[in-house]
Amino acid sequence: MAAIIHRELTAGAWRFFGPLAALGALLAAGFAAFLYMEINGHHVTGMDNQIVWGLPHVFAVFLIVAASGALNVASVASVFGKLEYKPLAPLSGVVSLAILAGGLAILAADLGRPDRLIVALTHF
């Protein structure tokens, strides 16, 4: 088996800040969609009295499953003894927690009053 060599990727500023700006625009679009749903109601996501699983629920379930998949990278190094995945284990744990936080944020937005999330966490 060949030796694994980790090297730093060198790139210009535009190759770093370009995708970062695109991610910022995507984040702004997501926040605008959240505000649109809060102002106009949950019917814009396909929910009504008959259909209780709208787009936010489906996306939250997807993020939970994606977080478990991201955490699998950390377990590959220890369970199967694949040493090439060992440097990625801490990062995959952090990515998994970030994805789970995104899923929680979507479910909190679906409560109707996300500012009252602390009441739901302490009384139910």
C-alpha atoms as a PDB file:
ATOM      1  CA  MET A   1       0.000   0.000   0.000  1.00  0.00           C
ATOM      2  CA  ALA A   2       1.315   3.435  -0.912  1.00  0.00           C
ATOM      3  CA  ALA A   3       2.036   5.975   1.802  1.00  0.00           C
ATOM      4  CA  ILE A   4      -0.568   8.647   2.420  1.00  0.00           C
ATOM      5  CA  ILE A   5       0.746  12.177   2.015  1.00  0.00           C
ATOM      6  CA  HIS A   6      -1.292  15.148   3.253  1.00  0.00           C
ATOM      7  CA  ARG A   7      -0.457  18.484   1.664  1.00  0.00           C
ATOM      8  CA  GLU A   8      -1.812  21.982   1.991  1.00  0.00           C
ATOM      9  CA  LEU A   9      -3.891  23.163  -0.932  1.00  0.00           C
ATOM     10  CA  THR A  10      -2.706  26.474  -2.278  1.00  0.00           C
ATOM     11  CA  ALA A  11      -5.200  28.711  -3.981  1.00  0.00           C
ATOM     12  CA  GLY A  12      -5.658  32.367  -4.675  1.00  0.00           C
ATOM     13  CA  ALA A  13      -7.984  34.589  -2.693  1.00  0.00           C
ATOM     14  CA  TRP A  14     -10.710  34.445  -5.327  1.00  0.00           C
ATOM     15  CA  ARG A  15     -10.755  30.645  -5.185  1.00  0.00           C
ATOM     16  CA  PHE A  16     -11.486  30.870  -1.457  1.00  0.00           C
ATOM     17  CA  PHE A  17     -13.757  33.903  -1.221  1.00  0.00           C
ATOM     18  CA  GLY A  18     -15.787  33.044  -4.345  1.00  0.00           C
ATOM     19  CA  PRO A  19     -17.330  29.848  -2.927  1.00  0.00           C
ATOM     20  CA  LEU A  20     -17.582  31.547   0.470  1.00  0.00           C
ATOM     21  CA  ALA A  21     -19.641  34.344  -1.095  1.00  0.00           C
ATOM     22  CA  ALA A  22     -21.829  31.756  -2.848  1.00  0.00           C
ATOM     23  CA  LEU A  23     -22.453  30.012   0.476  1.00  0.00           C
ATOM     24  CA  GLY A  24     -23.288  33.370   2.052  1.00  0.00           C
ATOM     25  CA  ALA A  25     -25.814  34.047  -0.707  1.00  0.00           C
ATOM     26  CA  LEU A  26     -27.316  30.595  -0.164  1.00  0.00           C
ATOM     27  CA  LEU A  27     -27.580  31.305   3.564  1.00  0.00           C
ATOM     28  CA  ALA A  28     -29.283  34.640   2.870  1.00  0.00           C
ATOM     29  CA  ALA A  29     -31.749  32.926   0.516  1.00  0.00           C
ATOM     30  CA  GLY A  30     -32.537  30.342   3.204  1.00  0.00           C
ATOM     31  CA  PHE A  31     -33.175  33.081   5.756  1.00  0.00           C
ATOM     32  CA  ALA A  32     -35.418  34.886   3.270  1.00  0.00           C
ATOM     33  CA  ALA A  33     -37.371  31.645   2.742  1.00  0.00           C
ATOM     34  CA  PHE A  34     -37.723  31.286   6.520  1.00  0.00           C
ATOM     35  CA  LEU A  35     -39.102  34.819   6.803  1.00  0.00           C
ATOM     36  CA  TYR A  36     -41.481  34.185   3.885  1.00  0.00           C
ATOM     37  CA  MET A  37     -42.821  31.078   5.631  1.00  0.00           C
ATOM     38  CA  GLU A  38     -43.200  32.905   8.959  1.00  0.00           C
ATOM     39  CA  ILE A  39     -45.055  35.826   7.389  1.00  0.00           C
ATOM     40  CA  ASN A  40     -47.311  33.933   4.956  1.00  0.00           C
ATOM     41  CA  GLY A  41     -47.930  30.775   6.978  1.00  0.00           C
ATOM     42  CA  HIS A  42     -46.978  27.144   6.693  1.00  0.00           C
ATOM     43  CA  HIS A  43     -49.307  26.492   3.760  1.00  0.00           C
ATOM     44  CA  VAL A  44     -46.559  27.755   1.443  1.00  0.00           C
ATOM     45  CA  THR A  45     -44.573  24.572   2.254  1.00  0.00           C
ATOM     46  CA  GLY A  46     -47.436  22.271   1.298  1.00  0.00           C
ATOM     47  CA  MET A  47     -48.946  21.741   4.755  1.00  0.00           C
ATOM     48  CA  ASP A  48     -52.606  22.023   5.693  1.00  0.00           C
ATOM     49  CA  ASN A  49     -55.002  20.200   8.020  1.00  0.00           C
ATOM     50  CA  GLN A  50     -54.833  17.037   5.909  1.00  0.00           C
ATOM     51  CA  ILE A  51     -51.101  17.010   5.127  1.00  0.00           C
ATOM     52  CA  VAL A  52     -49.076  17.500   8.291  1.00  0.00           C
ATOM     53  CA  TRP A  53     -45.655  16.636   6.830  1.00  0.00           C
ATOM     54  CA  GLY A  54     -44.491  19.553   4.755  1.00  0.00           C
ATOM     55  CA  LEU A  55     -41.123  20.391   3.295  1.00  0.00           C
ATOM     56  CA  PRO A  56     -39.528  21.428   6.632  1.00  0.00           C
ATOM     57  CA  HIS A  57     -40.218  18.022   8.192  1.00  0.00           C
ATOM     58  CA  VAL A  58     -38.832  16.133   5.233  1.00  0.00           C
ATOM     59  CA  PHE A  59     -35.708  18.288   5.145  1.00  0.00           C
ATOM     60  CA  ALA A  60     -35.167  17.895   8.913  1.00  0.00           C
ATOM     61  CA  VAL A  61     -35.335  14.095   8.598  1.00  0.00           C
ATOM     62  CA  PHE A  62     -32.877  14.285   5.702  1.00  0.00           C
ATOM     63  CA  LEU A  63     -30.451  16.316   7.821  1.00  0.00           C
ATOM     64  CA  ILE A  64     -30.671  13.819  10.688  1.00  0.00           C
ATOM     65  CA  VAL A  65     -29.849  10.939   8.340  1.00  0.00           C
ATOM     66  CA  ALA A  66     -27.059  12.970   6.702  1.00  0.00           C
ATOM     67  CA  ALA A  67     -25.562  13.667  10.140  1.00  0.00           C
ATOM     68  CA  SER A  68     -25.422   9.958  10.886  1.00  0.00           C
ATOM     69  CA  GLY A  69     -23.710   9.416   7.545  1.00  0.00           C
ATOM     70  CA  ALA A  70     -21.156  12.116   8.313  1.00  0.00           C
ATOM     71  CA  LEU A  71     -20.426  10.480  11.652  1.00  0.00           C
ATOM     72  CA  ASN A  72     -19.850   7.138   9.908  1.00  0.00           C
ATOM     73  CA  VAL A  73     -16.593   8.532   8.528  1.00  0.00           C
ATOM     74  CA  ALA A  74     -15.313   8.805  12.104  1.00  0.00           C
ATOM     75  CA  SER A  75     -16.249   5.222  12.875  1.00  0.00           C
ATOM     76  CA  VAL A  76     -14.598   3.774   9.760  1.00  0.00           C
ATOM     77  CA  ALA A  77     -11.141   4.538  11.141  1.00  0.00           C
ATOM     78  CA  SER A  78     -11.658   2.820  14.469  1.00  0.00           C
ATOM     79  CA  VAL A  79     -14.067   0.004  13.619  1.00  0.00           C
ATOM     80  CA  PHE A  80     -12.569  -1.177  10.345  1.00  0.00           C
ATOM     81  CA  GLY A  81      -8.989  -0.094  10.983  1.00  0.00           C
ATOM     82  CA  LYS A  82      -8.744   2.192   7.956  1.00  0.00           C
ATOM     83  CA  LEU A  83      -5.942   4.538   8.967  1.00  0.00           C
ATOM     84  CA  GLU A  84      -6.448   6.880   6.015  1.00  0.00           C
ATOM     85  CA  TYR A  85      -9.737   8.031   7.589  1.00  0.00           C
ATOM     86  CA  LYS A  86      -8.259   8.693  11.050  1.00  0.00           C
ATOM     87  CA  PRO A  87      -7.322  12.366  10.341  1.00  0.00           C
ATOM     88  CA  LEU A  88     -10.900  12.989   9.172  1.00  0.00           C
ATOM     89  CA  ALA A  89     -12.554  11.628  12.328  1.00  0.00           C
ATOM     90  CA  PRO A  90     -12.607  14.862  14.401  1.00  0.00           C
ATOM     91  CA  LEU A  91     -13.830  16.905  11.446  1.00  0.00           C
ATOM     92  CA  SER A  92     -16.614  14.434  10.691  1.00  0.00           C
ATOM     93  CA  GLY A  93     -17.808  14.697  14.287  1.00  0.00           C
ATOM     94  CA  VAL A  94     -17.948  18.497  14.052  1.00  0.00           C
ATOM     95  CA  VAL A  95     -19.722  18.345  10.684  1.00  0.00           C
ATOM     96  CA  SER A  96     -22.235  15.893  12.133  1.00  0.00           C
ATOM     97  CA  LEU A  97     -23.015  18.232  15.038  1.00  0.00           C
ATOM     98  CA  ALA A  98     -23.398  21.174  12.646  1.00  0.00           C
ATOM     99  CA  ILE A  99     -25.824  19.226  10.459  1.00  0.00           C
ATOM    100  CA  LEU A 100     -27.842  18.187  13.522  1.00  0.00           C
ATOM    101  CA  ALA A 101     -27.986  21.828  14.631  1.00  0.00           C
ATOM    102  CA  GLY A 102     -29.376  22.722  11.203  1.00  0.00           C
ATOM    103  CA  GLY A 103     -32.071  20.066  11.550  1.00  0.00           C
ATOM    104  CA  LEU A 104     -32.995  21.415  14.979  1.00  0.00           C
ATOM    105  CA  ALA A 105     -33.169  24.937  13.580  1.00  0.00           C
ATOM    106  CA  ILE A 106     -35.600  23.780  10.888  1.00  0.00           C
ATOM    107  CA  LEU A 107     -37.798  22.041  13.449  1.00  0.00           C
ATOM    108  CA  ALA A 108     -37.663  25.116  15.686  1.00  0.00           C
ATOM    109  CA  ALA A 109     -38.789  27.279  12.780  1.00  0.00           C
ATOM    110  CA  ASP A 110     -41.678  24.866  12.233  1.00  0.00           C
ATOM    111  CA  LEU A 111     -42.990  25.443  15.767  1.00  0.00           C
ATOM    112  CA  GLY A 112     -44.656  28.641  14.649  1.00  0.00           C
ATOM    113  CA  ARG A 113     -42.983  30.713  17.374  1.00  0.00           C
ATOM    114  CA  PRO A 114     -39.260  29.910  17.252  1.00  0.00           C
ATOM    115  CA  ASP A 115     -38.591  32.580  19.856  1.00  0.00           C
ATOM    116  CA  ARG A 116     -40.496  30.410  22.363  1.00  0.00           C
ATOM    117  CA  LEU A 117     -38.318  27.333  21.836  1.00  0.00           C
ATOM    118  CA  ILE A 118     -37.125  27.462  25.441  1.00  0.00           C
ATOM    119  CA  VAL A 119     -40.719  26.898  26.619  1.00  0.00           C
ATOM    120  CA  ALA A 120     -41.014  23.757  24.504  1.00  0.00           C
ATOM    121  CA  LEU A 121     -37.670  22.479  25.777  1.00  0.00           C
ATOM    122  CA  THR A 122     -38.439  23.015  29.465  1.00  0.00           C
ATOM    123  CA  HIS A 123     -42.147  22.154  29.740  1.00  0.00           C
ATOM    124  CA  PHE A 124     -42.735  19.127  27.498  1.00  0.00           C
END
